[in-house]
């Protein structure tokens, strides 16, 4: 689809004030399915805490000893020197790297300026999200090189599939932010891929977007495109979070150049960074869970400290992506009991440091089958019981992140809707306690016909759009369709009815002009 063709999907509204399109609006309407309304869920349940207080202290002490005695290698001398200026010690210095050590006093002092909660406001201010506290937001699958569906099988990612997943992300109210590329469009050259992808994302969605920290050109381009799409001045963009980046450490005990460069560029402009070490027990971190969490905490905190050195008070968060490998094959495993425990343990550590936490909806199944469902359920349960604030890859993840599945996306959204409904507030007022209703029905009657039931039956319970609650005979009469087959029909219906959210035509033209200009300049340098 060309830029001009994408333009035809949008409509014009007053500059700087936009609302969602028909698909995925705040009321949950749409012809394809009836979904829950847009909201920012609040998880009021007490988190699970597998570690006693002395266990939290032990992991904290170990993480601090890693920073004090072992250190973290920075493949970015500028970042290392910034930390040095604030009290860190450098050694093994070359033109490209340095070993960074810092004492715990410096770490804890810098963490005091990290906001425990912050908001990110996209071009549609009604889609603002809150990260931190008891809030919990969900985003689409990000970065798989392949996609799959029942019709086409498994294929290498392309722009059409990318756009399909962006549309699904916009449609569902249970998805609050449009993270990375839901599938890599490999038919777009890497030098300009970020320009086309962000243009698609900013015009097809009005939700929070992010920048991959993969070189200064990509980061600066995404910040500028996000600013343009929001109708903002540079001062307005810098004044409050409008987008974010996520960086990963190169475990064990290393941060690479482009990730740190992106972190610093966003921090200078007040935009948040999520720091997510990728630690796999037995391969990239110790085989023990406590050791893995301690290493992950050390790798995360040193980057959060860097953010605070660059711009004190700039929003930051840590992420947990700690799991284990299959010791028979060396392959990563996700959605495992060990993954669940490390997430819960990291949740305790995030609360100890008073820093927001990110986790993921992961699985390693190669198809949207029972294994994928229980592994994703384990991952989401771990996120809920850990007090996680931001869930990456919440819809569509398959094959350990190597594939984005259309059907799994729909299946995940059904599960997300149920989780969000579960997190709704529990009421206990007089009408909810229903003493009068019990008295009216009396002994041995039923509640179906009384007014108390009639007033509430349409909204009293969660109503699924994908799950089939009918009996066997009715299910069989309708073709005995399995969940994945029903999901296949749903995504097609959604894409067929999709309408892009409105965008001011002048902003669209400015955004298009920026993309054209940057392409003429060559985009971002590559190794190709």
Protein backbone atom coordinates (compact mmCIF):
# COMPACT_ATOMS: atom_id res chain seq x y z
CA UNK A 1 0.00 0.00 0.00
CA UNK A 2 1.39 3.41 -0.97
CA UNK A 3 1.35 6.49 1.22
CA UNK A 4 -1.40 7.90 -0.95
CA UNK A 5 -3.52 4.79 -0.50
CA UNK A 6 -3.07 4.94 3.26
CA UNK A 7 -4.14 8.58 3.20
CA UNK A 8 -7.50 7.61 1.74
CA UNK A 9 -8.27 5.59 4.87
CA UNK A 10 -8.18 8.63 7.18
CA UNK A 11 -10.51 11.54 7.74
CA UNK A 12 -9.87 15.08 8.86
CA UNK A 13 -10.56 16.50 12.31
CA UNK A 14 -9.49 19.59 14.20
CA UNK A 15 -5.68 19.73 14.44
CA UNK A 16 -4.37 18.28 17.69
CA UNK A 17 -7.68 16.72 18.79
CA UNK A 18 -8.38 13.23 17.52
CA UNK A 19 -10.60 10.35 18.49
CA UNK A 20 -10.55 6.70 17.54
CA UNK A 21 -12.22 5.43 14.40
CA UNK A 22 -15.27 3.17 14.40
CA UNK A 23 -13.12 0.10 14.92
CA UNK A 24 -11.84 -0.11 18.44
CA UNK A 25 -13.66 2.93 19.79
CA UNK A 26 -14.11 3.67 23.47
CA UNK A 27 -17.59 2.15 23.64
CA UNK A 28 -16.42 -1.19 22.30
CA UNK A 29 -18.74 -1.08 19.26
CA UNK A 30 -18.02 -2.59 15.84
CA UNK A 31 -19.71 -5.02 13.50
CA UNK A 32 -17.16 -7.81 13.82
CA UNK A 33 -17.35 -8.35 17.57
CA UNK A 34 -18.66 -6.70 20.70
CA UNK A 35 -15.62 -5.91 22.80
CA UNK A 36 -15.00 -4.34 26.19
CA UNK A 37 -14.68 -0.54 26.37
CA UNK A 38 -11.31 1.20 26.40
CA UNK A 39 -9.96 1.58 29.93
CA UNK A 40 -6.66 1.49 31.80
CA UNK A 41 -6.98 -1.56 34.06
CA UNK A 42 -6.10 -1.31 37.74
CA UNK A 43 -4.84 -4.48 39.42
CA UNK A 44 -5.84 -4.21 43.07
CA UNK A 45 -4.91 -7.79 44.01
CA UNK A 46 -1.99 -8.22 46.34
CA UNK A 47 1.05 -9.50 44.41
CA UNK A 48 2.52 -12.93 45.00
CA UNK A 49 5.79 -12.73 46.89
CA UNK A 50 7.83 -15.96 46.76
CA UNK A 51 10.79 -14.22 48.42
CA UNK A 52 10.78 -13.41 52.14
CA UNK A 53 12.25 -10.01 53.09
CA UNK A 54 15.66 -11.55 53.64
CA UNK A 55 15.47 -13.03 50.12
CA UNK A 56 14.81 -9.59 48.65
CA UNK A 57 17.76 -8.25 50.62
CA UNK A 58 19.97 -11.09 49.39
CA UNK A 59 19.16 -10.47 45.72
CA UNK A 60 19.60 -6.73 46.20
CA UNK A 61 22.97 -7.25 47.87
CA UNK A 62 24.09 -9.61 45.09
CA UNK A 63 23.02 -7.16 42.37
CA UNK A 64 24.92 -4.38 44.14
CA UNK A 65 28.01 -6.60 44.43
CA UNK A 66 27.81 -7.28 40.70
CA UNK A 67 27.92 -3.52 40.07
CA UNK A 68 30.62 -2.91 42.68
CA UNK A 69 32.92 -5.89 42.13
CA UNK A 70 32.31 -7.34 38.65
CA UNK A 71 30.94 -4.38 36.71
CA UNK A 72 29.00 -4.03 33.47
CA UNK A 73 30.75 -3.61 30.12
CA UNK A 74 29.51 -0.59 28.16
CA UNK A 75 30.12 -0.63 24.42
CA UNK A 76 29.44 3.09 24.44
CA UNK A 77 32.21 5.23 25.88
CA UNK A 78 30.07 8.38 25.97
CA UNK A 79 27.57 6.65 28.25
CA UNK A 80 30.37 5.26 30.44
CA UNK A 81 31.94 8.69 30.81
CA UNK A 82 28.61 10.21 31.85
CA UNK A 83 28.41 7.66 34.66
CA UNK A 84 32.04 8.36 35.55
CA UNK A 85 31.24 12.05 35.92
CA UNK A 86 28.64 11.10 38.52
CA UNK A 87 30.94 8.84 40.55
CA UNK A 88 31.29 5.54 38.68
CA UNK A 89 34.70 3.95 38.11
CA UNK A 90 35.92 3.01 34.62
CA UNK A 91 38.56 0.48 33.65
CA UNK A 92 39.61 -1.52 30.57
CA UNK A 93 38.94 1.64 28.56
CA UNK A 94 39.27 1.48 24.77
CA UNK A 95 37.95 3.67 21.99
CA UNK A 96 34.80 1.55 21.87
CA UNK A 97 34.15 0.24 25.37
CA UNK A 98 34.74 0.52 29.11
CA UNK A 99 34.05 -1.57 32.18
CA UNK A 100 31.77 0.36 34.53
CA UNK A 101 31.59 -0.16 38.27
CA UNK A 102 29.66 1.87 40.83
CA UNK A 103 28.94 1.58 44.51
CA UNK A 104 25.49 0.97 45.89
CA UNK A 105 25.28 4.42 47.42
CA UNK A 106 25.43 5.97 43.96
CA UNK A 107 22.83 3.52 42.64
CA UNK A 108 20.34 4.11 45.41
CA UNK A 109 20.80 7.87 45.30
CA UNK A 110 20.10 8.02 41.56
CA UNK A 111 17.06 5.73 41.86
CA UNK A 112 15.40 8.29 44.15
CA UNK A 113 14.65 10.49 41.12
CA UNK A 114 12.88 7.73 39.12
CA UNK A 115 9.12 8.45 39.02
CA UNK A 116 7.19 5.48 40.45
CA UNK A 117 4.42 6.24 37.95
CA UNK A 118 4.20 8.19 34.70
CA UNK A 119 1.90 8.65 31.73
CA UNK A 120 2.54 8.57 27.98
CA UNK A 121 0.25 10.62 25.74
CA UNK A 122 -0.11 9.71 22.03
CA UNK A 123 -1.64 11.84 19.28
CA UNK A 124 -5.10 10.98 20.57
CA UNK A 125 -5.06 12.27 24.14
CA UNK A 126 -7.95 9.93 24.99
CA UNK A 127 -5.50 7.04 24.48
CA UNK A 128 -3.10 8.20 27.19
CA UNK A 129 -1.66 5.31 29.19
CA UNK A 130 -0.40 5.18 32.77
CA UNK A 131 2.66 3.09 33.64
CA UNK A 132 3.28 2.37 37.30
CA UNK A 133 1.32 2.04 40.52
CA UNK A 134 -1.39 -0.61 40.18
CA UNK A 135 -2.01 0.20 36.51
CA UNK A 136 -1.54 -2.52 33.89
CA UNK A 137 -1.40 -1.93 30.13
CA UNK A 138 -1.02 -4.37 27.25
CA UNK A 139 0.64 -4.08 23.84
CA UNK A 140 0.91 -6.05 20.60
CA UNK A 141 3.52 -8.65 19.70
CA UNK A 142 6.75 -7.03 18.53
CA UNK A 143 9.63 -7.92 16.20
CA UNK A 144 8.97 -11.44 14.81
CA UNK A 145 10.52 -11.96 11.36
CA UNK A 146 7.68 -14.28 10.28
CA UNK A 147 3.89 -14.39 10.36
CA UNK A 148 1.36 -17.17 10.05
CA UNK A 149 -2.33 -17.79 9.58
CA UNK A 150 -4.51 -20.73 8.59
CA UNK A 151 -4.89 -19.48 5.02
CA UNK A 152 -1.29 -18.71 4.06
CA UNK A 153 0.72 -20.85 6.44
CA UNK A 154 4.02 -19.46 7.74
CA UNK A 155 5.71 -16.74 5.71
CA UNK A 156 8.45 -14.15 6.00
CA UNK A 157 7.09 -10.81 7.18
CA UNK A 158 5.96 -8.20 4.65
CA UNK A 159 4.34 -4.78 4.75
CA UNK A 160 0.82 -6.04 4.16
CA UNK A 161 1.04 -8.39 7.15
CA UNK A 162 2.60 -5.59 9.19
CA UNK A 163 -0.33 -3.31 8.33
CA UNK A 164 -2.83 -6.06 9.16
CA UNK A 165 -1.40 -6.44 12.65
CA UNK A 166 -1.32 -2.67 13.14
CA UNK A 167 -5.01 -2.56 12.28
CA UNK A 168 -5.75 -5.34 14.76
CA UNK A 169 -3.75 -3.45 17.39
CA UNK A 170 -5.81 -0.32 16.81
CA UNK A 171 -9.08 -2.23 16.80
CA UNK A 172 -8.84 -3.93 20.16
CA UNK A 173 -9.55 -1.84 23.25
CA UNK A 174 -7.71 -4.41 25.39
CA UNK A 175 -4.47 -3.29 23.69
CA UNK A 176 -3.25 0.02 25.00
CA UNK A 177 -0.04 0.68 23.09
CA UNK A 178 1.43 -0.17 19.70
CA UNK A 179 4.90 -1.38 20.62
CA UNK A 180 7.49 -2.51 18.10
CA UNK A 181 6.77 -3.87 14.64
CA UNK A 182 4.22 -6.69 15.11
CA UNK A 183 6.03 -8.42 12.26
CA UNK A 184 9.16 -7.22 10.47
CA UNK A 185 8.25 -6.10 6.91
CA UNK A 186 11.24 -7.71 5.22
CA UNK A 187 10.16 -6.38 1.82
CA UNK A 188 11.13 -2.85 2.93
CA UNK A 189 14.85 -2.02 2.88
CA UNK A 190 16.28 -1.67 6.41
CA UNK A 191 17.52 1.86 5.67
CA UNK A 192 13.98 3.19 5.30
CA UNK A 193 11.93 0.51 7.04
CA UNK A 194 11.46 2.61 10.17
CA UNK A 195 10.07 5.49 8.10
CA UNK A 196 7.41 3.41 6.36
CA UNK A 197 6.58 1.46 9.51
CA UNK A 198 6.12 4.54 11.66
CA UNK A 199 4.11 6.26 8.96
CA UNK A 200 1.79 3.25 8.86
CA UNK A 201 1.62 3.06 12.62
CA UNK A 202 0.99 6.77 13.20
CA UNK A 203 -1.73 6.94 10.55
CA UNK A 204 -3.42 3.59 11.21
CA UNK A 205 -3.37 3.91 15.00
CA UNK A 206 -3.76 6.67 17.54
CA UNK A 207 -2.14 4.73 20.38
CA UNK A 208 1.26 5.12 22.04
CA UNK A 209 4.17 4.12 19.79
CA UNK A 210 7.82 3.33 20.43
CA UNK A 211 11.24 3.67 18.80
CA UNK A 212 13.72 0.88 18.30
CA UNK A 213 17.09 2.02 19.65
CA UNK A 214 18.99 0.83 16.60
CA UNK A 215 21.00 3.88 15.59
CA UNK A 216 20.68 7.61 16.03
CA UNK A 217 18.91 8.20 12.70
CA UNK A 218 16.10 5.78 13.52
CA UNK A 219 15.62 7.16 17.01
CA UNK A 220 15.67 10.81 15.92
CA UNK A 221 13.33 10.09 12.99
CA UNK A 222 10.78 8.35 15.20
CA UNK A 223 10.80 11.15 17.76
CA UNK A 224 10.29 13.71 15.01
CA UNK A 225 7.50 11.73 13.34
CA UNK A 226 5.75 11.26 16.69
CA UNK A 227 6.04 15.00 17.32
CA UNK A 228 4.58 15.80 13.90
CA UNK A 229 1.73 13.30 14.29
CA UNK A 230 0.80 14.86 17.62
CA UNK A 231 0.70 18.36 16.17
CA UNK A 232 3.27 19.39 18.78
CA UNK A 233 5.98 21.98 18.99
CA UNK A 234 9.42 20.74 20.03
CA UNK A 235 8.85 22.28 23.45
CA UNK A 236 5.52 20.49 23.85
CA UNK A 237 7.07 17.18 22.84
CA UNK A 238 9.91 17.57 25.34
CA UNK A 239 7.59 18.63 28.17
CA UNK A 240 5.89 15.26 28.69
CA UNK A 241 6.29 11.63 27.53
CA UNK A 242 4.82 11.07 24.08
CA UNK A 243 6.50 7.76 23.14
CA UNK A 244 9.17 5.47 24.55
CA UNK A 245 11.94 3.02 23.77
CA UNK A 246 12.76 -0.41 25.12
CA UNK A 247 16.38 -1.52 25.31
CA UNK A 248 17.85 -4.94 26.04
CA UNK A 249 21.16 -5.68 27.66
CA UNK A 250 23.51 -8.06 25.88
CA UNK A 251 23.58 -10.59 28.68
CA UNK A 252 25.69 -11.49 30.46
CA UNK A 253 26.75 -8.14 31.92
CA UNK A 254 26.98 -5.97 28.82
CA UNK A 255 25.15 -3.04 27.20
CA UNK A 256 25.75 -2.30 23.53
CA UNK A 257 26.27 1.00 21.75
CA UNK A 258 23.00 1.66 19.86
CA UNK A 259 20.79 0.75 22.82
CA UNK A 260 22.61 3.14 25.16
CA UNK A 261 22.68 5.80 22.46
CA UNK A 262 18.90 5.57 22.04
CA UNK A 263 18.39 5.68 25.80
CA UNK A 264 20.41 8.90 26.07
CA UNK A 265 18.68 10.55 23.11
CA UNK A 266 15.25 9.91 24.58
CA UNK A 267 16.32 10.88 28.08
CA UNK A 268 17.56 14.27 26.86
CA UNK A 269 14.06 14.93 25.57
CA UNK A 270 12.21 13.55 28.59
CA UNK A 271 10.98 10.39 26.87
CA UNK A 272 10.89 7.09 28.80
CA UNK A 273 13.15 4.06 28.44
CA UNK A 274 12.21 0.53 29.52
CA UNK A 275 15.38 -1.46 30.33
CA UNK A 276 14.82 -5.19 29.81
CA UNK A 277 17.71 -7.61 30.28
CA UNK A 278 17.33 -10.81 28.24
CA UNK A 279 18.53 -13.41 30.72
CA UNK A 280 18.03 -17.12 30.06
CA UNK A 281 18.98 -19.26 33.06
CA UNK A 282 21.64 -21.79 32.18
CA UNK A 283 22.85 -19.90 29.10
CA UNK A 284 22.98 -16.11 29.46
CA UNK A 285 22.67 -16.06 33.24
CA UNK A 286 23.28 -18.51 36.11
CA UNK A 287 21.23 -21.69 36.07
CA UNK A 288 19.73 -20.72 39.42
CA UNK A 289 16.68 -18.45 39.51
CA UNK A 290 17.99 -16.21 42.28
CA UNK A 291 21.27 -15.72 40.42
CA UNK A 292 19.44 -14.95 37.19
CA UNK A 293 17.21 -12.34 38.85
CA UNK A 294 20.21 -10.74 40.60
CA UNK A 295 22.12 -10.46 37.32
CA UNK A 296 19.06 -9.08 35.55
CA UNK A 297 18.54 -6.46 38.25
CA UNK A 298 22.18 -5.34 38.03
CA UNK A 299 22.00 -5.01 34.23
CA UNK A 300 18.73 -3.09 34.42
CA UNK A 301 19.59 -0.71 37.24
CA UNK A 302 22.85 0.54 35.76
CA UNK A 303 20.97 1.70 32.66
CA UNK A 304 18.24 3.33 34.77
CA UNK A 305 20.99 5.14 36.67
CA UNK A 306 22.34 6.37 33.32
CA UNK A 307 18.90 7.81 32.45
CA UNK A 308 18.86 9.70 35.74
CA UNK A 309 22.40 11.01 35.19
CA UNK A 310 21.39 12.35 31.77
CA UNK A 311 18.07 13.82 32.93
CA UNK A 312 17.09 13.46 36.60
CA UNK A 313 13.43 12.60 36.96
CA UNK A 314 13.08 11.25 33.41
CA UNK A 315 10.61 8.33 33.46
CA UNK A 316 12.23 4.90 33.42
CA UNK A 317 11.17 1.32 34.06
CA UNK A 318 12.79 -2.07 34.25
CA UNK A 319 11.67 -5.14 32.39
CA UNK A 320 11.87 -8.84 33.15
CA UNK A 321 12.57 -11.30 30.39
CA UNK A 322 14.13 -13.96 32.58
CA UNK A 323 13.35 -17.54 31.72
CA UNK A 324 15.23 -20.77 31.22
CA UNK A 325 16.59 -22.83 28.36
CA UNK A 326 15.70 -26.40 27.53
CA UNK A 327 18.82 -28.08 28.87
CA UNK A 328 18.36 -30.91 26.36
CA UNK A 329 18.55 -28.65 23.31
CA UNK A 330 19.68 -25.21 24.52
CA UNK A 331 16.52 -23.66 23.04
CA UNK A 332 14.77 -20.87 24.98
CA UNK A 333 11.68 -21.88 26.94
CA UNK A 334 8.89 -19.46 27.86
CA UNK A 335 5.70 -19.62 29.85
CA UNK A 336 7.40 -22.13 32.16
CA UNK A 337 7.10 -22.45 35.95
CA UNK A 338 10.60 -20.96 36.16
CA UNK A 339 9.56 -18.00 33.99
CA UNK A 340 6.60 -17.41 36.30
CA UNK A 341 8.76 -17.44 39.41
CA UNK A 342 11.45 -15.14 38.02
CA UNK A 343 8.72 -12.68 37.00
CA UNK A 344 7.24 -12.71 40.49
CA UNK A 345 10.69 -12.34 42.07
CA UNK A 346 11.52 -9.44 39.78
CA UNK A 347 8.19 -7.87 40.73
CA UNK A 348 9.30 -7.90 44.34
CA UNK A 349 12.57 -6.24 43.39
CA UNK A 350 10.81 -3.57 41.30
CA UNK A 351 8.63 -2.69 44.28
CA UNK A 352 11.73 -2.63 46.50
CA UNK A 353 13.29 -0.01 44.20
CA UNK A 354 9.91 1.71 43.55
CA UNK A 355 10.33 1.40 39.77
CA UNK A 356 7.61 0.42 37.24
CA UNK A 357 7.92 -3.08 35.75
CA UNK A 358 7.42 -4.57 32.30
CA UNK A 359 6.91 -8.27 31.47
CA UNK A 360 5.68 -10.23 28.43
CA UNK A 361 3.09 -12.71 27.20
CA UNK A 362 5.36 -15.46 25.94
CA UNK A 363 5.16 -19.01 24.62
CA UNK A 364 7.35 -21.35 22.58
CA UNK A 365 4.63 -23.35 20.88
CA UNK A 366 4.91 -23.51 17.09
CA UNK A 367 1.15 -23.26 16.52
CA UNK A 368 -1.84 -21.56 18.16
CA UNK A 369 -2.67 -24.77 20.02
CA UNK A 370 -3.19 -25.96 23.58
CA UNK A 371 0.49 -25.54 24.43
CA UNK A 372 0.45 -21.95 23.22
CA UNK A 373 -2.65 -21.29 25.31
CA UNK A 374 -1.33 -22.67 28.59
CA UNK A 375 2.10 -21.10 28.15
CA UNK A 376 0.53 -17.71 27.46
CA UNK A 377 -1.86 -18.20 30.37
CA UNK A 378 1.12 -18.89 32.63
CA UNK A 379 2.88 -15.76 31.36
CA UNK A 380 -0.16 -13.55 31.87
CA UNK A 381 -0.85 -15.06 35.29
CA UNK A 382 2.75 -14.32 36.25
CA UNK A 383 2.35 -10.71 35.09
CA UNK A 384 -0.85 -10.26 37.09
CA UNK A 385 0.52 -11.82 40.26
CA UNK A 386 3.79 -9.86 40.00
CA UNK A 387 2.28 -6.38 39.92
CA UNK A 388 3.53 -5.85 36.36
CA UNK A 389 2.58 -2.48 34.86
CA UNK A 390 3.31 -3.04 31.17
CA UNK A 391 2.86 -6.30 29.26
CA UNK A 392 4.76 -6.59 25.99
CA UNK A 393 3.84 -9.11 23.27
CA UNK A 394 0.40 -9.43 24.86
CA UNK A 395 -1.27 -10.51 21.61
CA UNK A 396 0.07 -12.61 18.74
CA UNK A 397 3.38 -14.04 20.01
CA UNK A 398 4.31 -17.53 18.78
CA UNK A 399 7.44 -19.69 18.39
CA UNK A 400 9.39 -17.95 21.14
CA UNK A 401 8.97 -14.65 19.34
CA UNK A 402 9.90 -15.82 15.84
CA UNK A 403 6.37 -15.67 14.46
CA UNK A 404 3.33 -13.41 14.73
CA UNK A 405 0.13 -15.41 14.42
CA UNK A 406 -3.13 -13.85 13.25
CA UNK A 407 -5.19 -16.47 15.06
CA UNK A 408 -3.10 -16.33 18.23
CA UNK A 409 -3.57 -12.54 18.22
CA UNK A 410 -7.34 -13.00 18.40
CA UNK A 411 -7.09 -15.80 20.97
CA UNK A 412 -4.84 -13.66 23.16
CA UNK A 413 -7.22 -10.70 22.97
CA UNK A 414 -10.05 -12.90 24.22
CA UNK A 415 -7.86 -13.81 27.18
CA UNK A 416 -6.83 -10.18 27.75
CA UNK A 417 -10.45 -9.08 27.77
CA UNK A 418 -11.21 -11.68 30.40
CA UNK A 419 -8.24 -10.59 32.52
CA UNK A 420 -9.26 -6.93 32.29
CA UNK A 421 -12.82 -7.83 33.24
CA UNK A 422 -11.48 -9.85 36.17
CA UNK A 423 -9.59 -6.78 37.38
CA UNK A 424 -12.78 -4.71 37.49
CA UNK A 425 -13.73 -3.32 40.90
CA UNK A 426 -15.69 -5.57 43.24
CA UNK A 427 -18.85 -3.93 44.61
CA UNK A 428 -20.66 -4.66 47.86
CA UNK A 429 -23.37 -2.03 48.17
CA UNK A 430 -26.95 -2.84 49.09
CA UNK A 431 -28.01 -3.64 45.53
CA UNK A 432 -25.01 -5.88 45.01
CA UNK A 433 -25.59 -7.80 48.24
CA UNK A 434 -29.13 -8.45 46.93
CA UNK A 435 -30.82 -9.30 50.21
CA UNK A 436 -34.19 -8.10 48.89
CA UNK A 437 -33.79 -10.33 45.83
CA UNK A 438 -33.13 -13.35 48.02
CA UNK A 439 -36.17 -12.54 50.11
CA UNK A 440 -38.33 -12.16 46.98
CA UNK A 441 -37.33 -15.52 45.53
CA UNK A 442 -37.49 -17.31 48.84
CA UNK A 443 -36.88 -21.00 49.31
CA UNK A 444 -36.58 -23.20 46.23
CA UNK A 445 -37.43 -20.58 43.61
CA UNK A 446 -35.19 -19.10 40.91
CA UNK A 447 -33.79 -15.68 40.09
CA UNK A 448 -34.21 -15.65 36.30
CA UNK A 449 -37.44 -13.68 36.15
CA UNK A 450 -37.17 -11.17 38.98
CA UNK A 451 -36.58 -7.48 38.29
CA UNK A 452 -33.19 -7.48 40.04
CA UNK A 453 -31.95 -9.98 37.43
CA UNK A 454 -33.74 -8.36 34.50
CA UNK A 455 -32.10 -5.01 35.24
CA UNK A 456 -28.62 -6.54 35.10
CA UNK A 457 -28.54 -9.66 32.95
CA UNK A 458 -27.02 -8.02 29.88
CA UNK A 459 -24.00 -6.62 31.68
CA UNK A 460 -23.67 -8.72 34.84
CA UNK A 461 -21.04 -11.13 33.49
CA UNK A 462 -18.26 -11.12 30.97
CA UNK A 463 -19.48 -12.01 27.49
CA UNK A 464 -16.87 -13.61 25.21
CA UNK A 465 -16.43 -12.84 21.54
CA UNK A 466 -14.39 -15.97 20.77
CA UNK A 467 -15.09 -18.59 23.43
CA UNK A 468 -18.04 -20.87 22.67
CA UNK A 469 -20.18 -21.49 25.76
CA UNK A 470 -22.88 -23.49 24.00
CA UNK A 471 -23.59 -27.16 24.67
CA UNK A 472 -22.14 -29.94 22.54
CA UNK A 473 -25.20 -30.37 20.32
CA UNK A 474 -25.43 -26.69 19.42
CA UNK A 475 -21.67 -26.49 18.86
CA UNK A 476 -21.82 -29.56 16.61
CA UNK A 477 -24.79 -28.20 14.66
CA UNK A 478 -22.78 -25.02 13.89
CA UNK A 479 -19.95 -27.04 12.38
CA UNK A 480 -17.97 -28.11 15.47
CA UNK A 481 -15.42 -25.34 14.87
CA UNK A 482 -12.32 -25.28 17.03
CA UNK A 483 -11.16 -22.04 18.64
CA UNK A 484 -8.44 -21.42 16.09
CA UNK A 485 -10.96 -21.69 13.24
CA UNK A 486 -13.29 -19.20 14.90
CA UNK A 487 -10.31 -16.88 15.44
CA UNK A 488 -9.50 -17.08 11.74
CA UNK A 489 -12.97 -15.77 10.92
CA UNK A 490 -12.79 -13.00 13.50
CA UNK A 491 -9.55 -11.41 12.26
CA UNK A 492 -10.90 -11.38 8.72
CA UNK A 493 -14.10 -9.66 9.86
CA UNK A 494 -12.12 -7.07 11.80
CA UNK A 495 -9.81 -6.24 8.91
CA UNK A 496 -12.78 -6.04 6.55
CA UNK A 497 -14.54 -3.41 8.68
CA UNK A 498 -11.46 -1.50 9.83
CA UNK A 499 -11.41 2.27 9.61
CA UNK A 500 -8.26 4.21 10.45
CA UNK A 501 -8.60 6.83 13.18
CA UNK A 502 -8.98 10.39 11.90
CA UNK A 503 -5.94 12.58 11.33
CA UNK A 504 -5.72 16.25 10.42
CA UNK A 505 -4.87 16.42 6.71
CA UNK A 506 -2.20 19.07 7.22
CA UNK A 507 -0.47 16.82 9.76
CA UNK A 508 -0.69 13.86 7.39
CA UNK A 509 0.91 15.91 4.63
CA UNK A 510 3.67 17.10 6.96
CA UNK A 511 4.32 13.52 8.04
CA UNK A 512 4.43 12.30 4.45
CA UNK A 513 6.78 15.11 3.46
CA UNK A 514 9.14 14.17 6.28
CA UNK A 515 9.19 10.53 5.14
CA UNK A 516 9.89 11.52 1.53
CA UNK A 517 12.67 13.90 2.60
CA UNK A 518 14.37 11.34 4.83
CA UNK A 519 14.20 8.70 2.10
CA UNK A 520 15.84 11.10 -0.33
CA UNK A 521 18.59 11.58 2.26
CA UNK A 522 19.11 7.82 2.44
CA UNK A 523 17.31 7.02 5.69
CA UNK A 524 19.46 5.18 8.22
CA UNK A 525 22.85 3.63 7.38
CA UNK A 526 22.94 -0.17 7.18
CA UNK A 527 25.53 -2.88 6.73
CA UNK A 528 24.03 -3.92 3.42
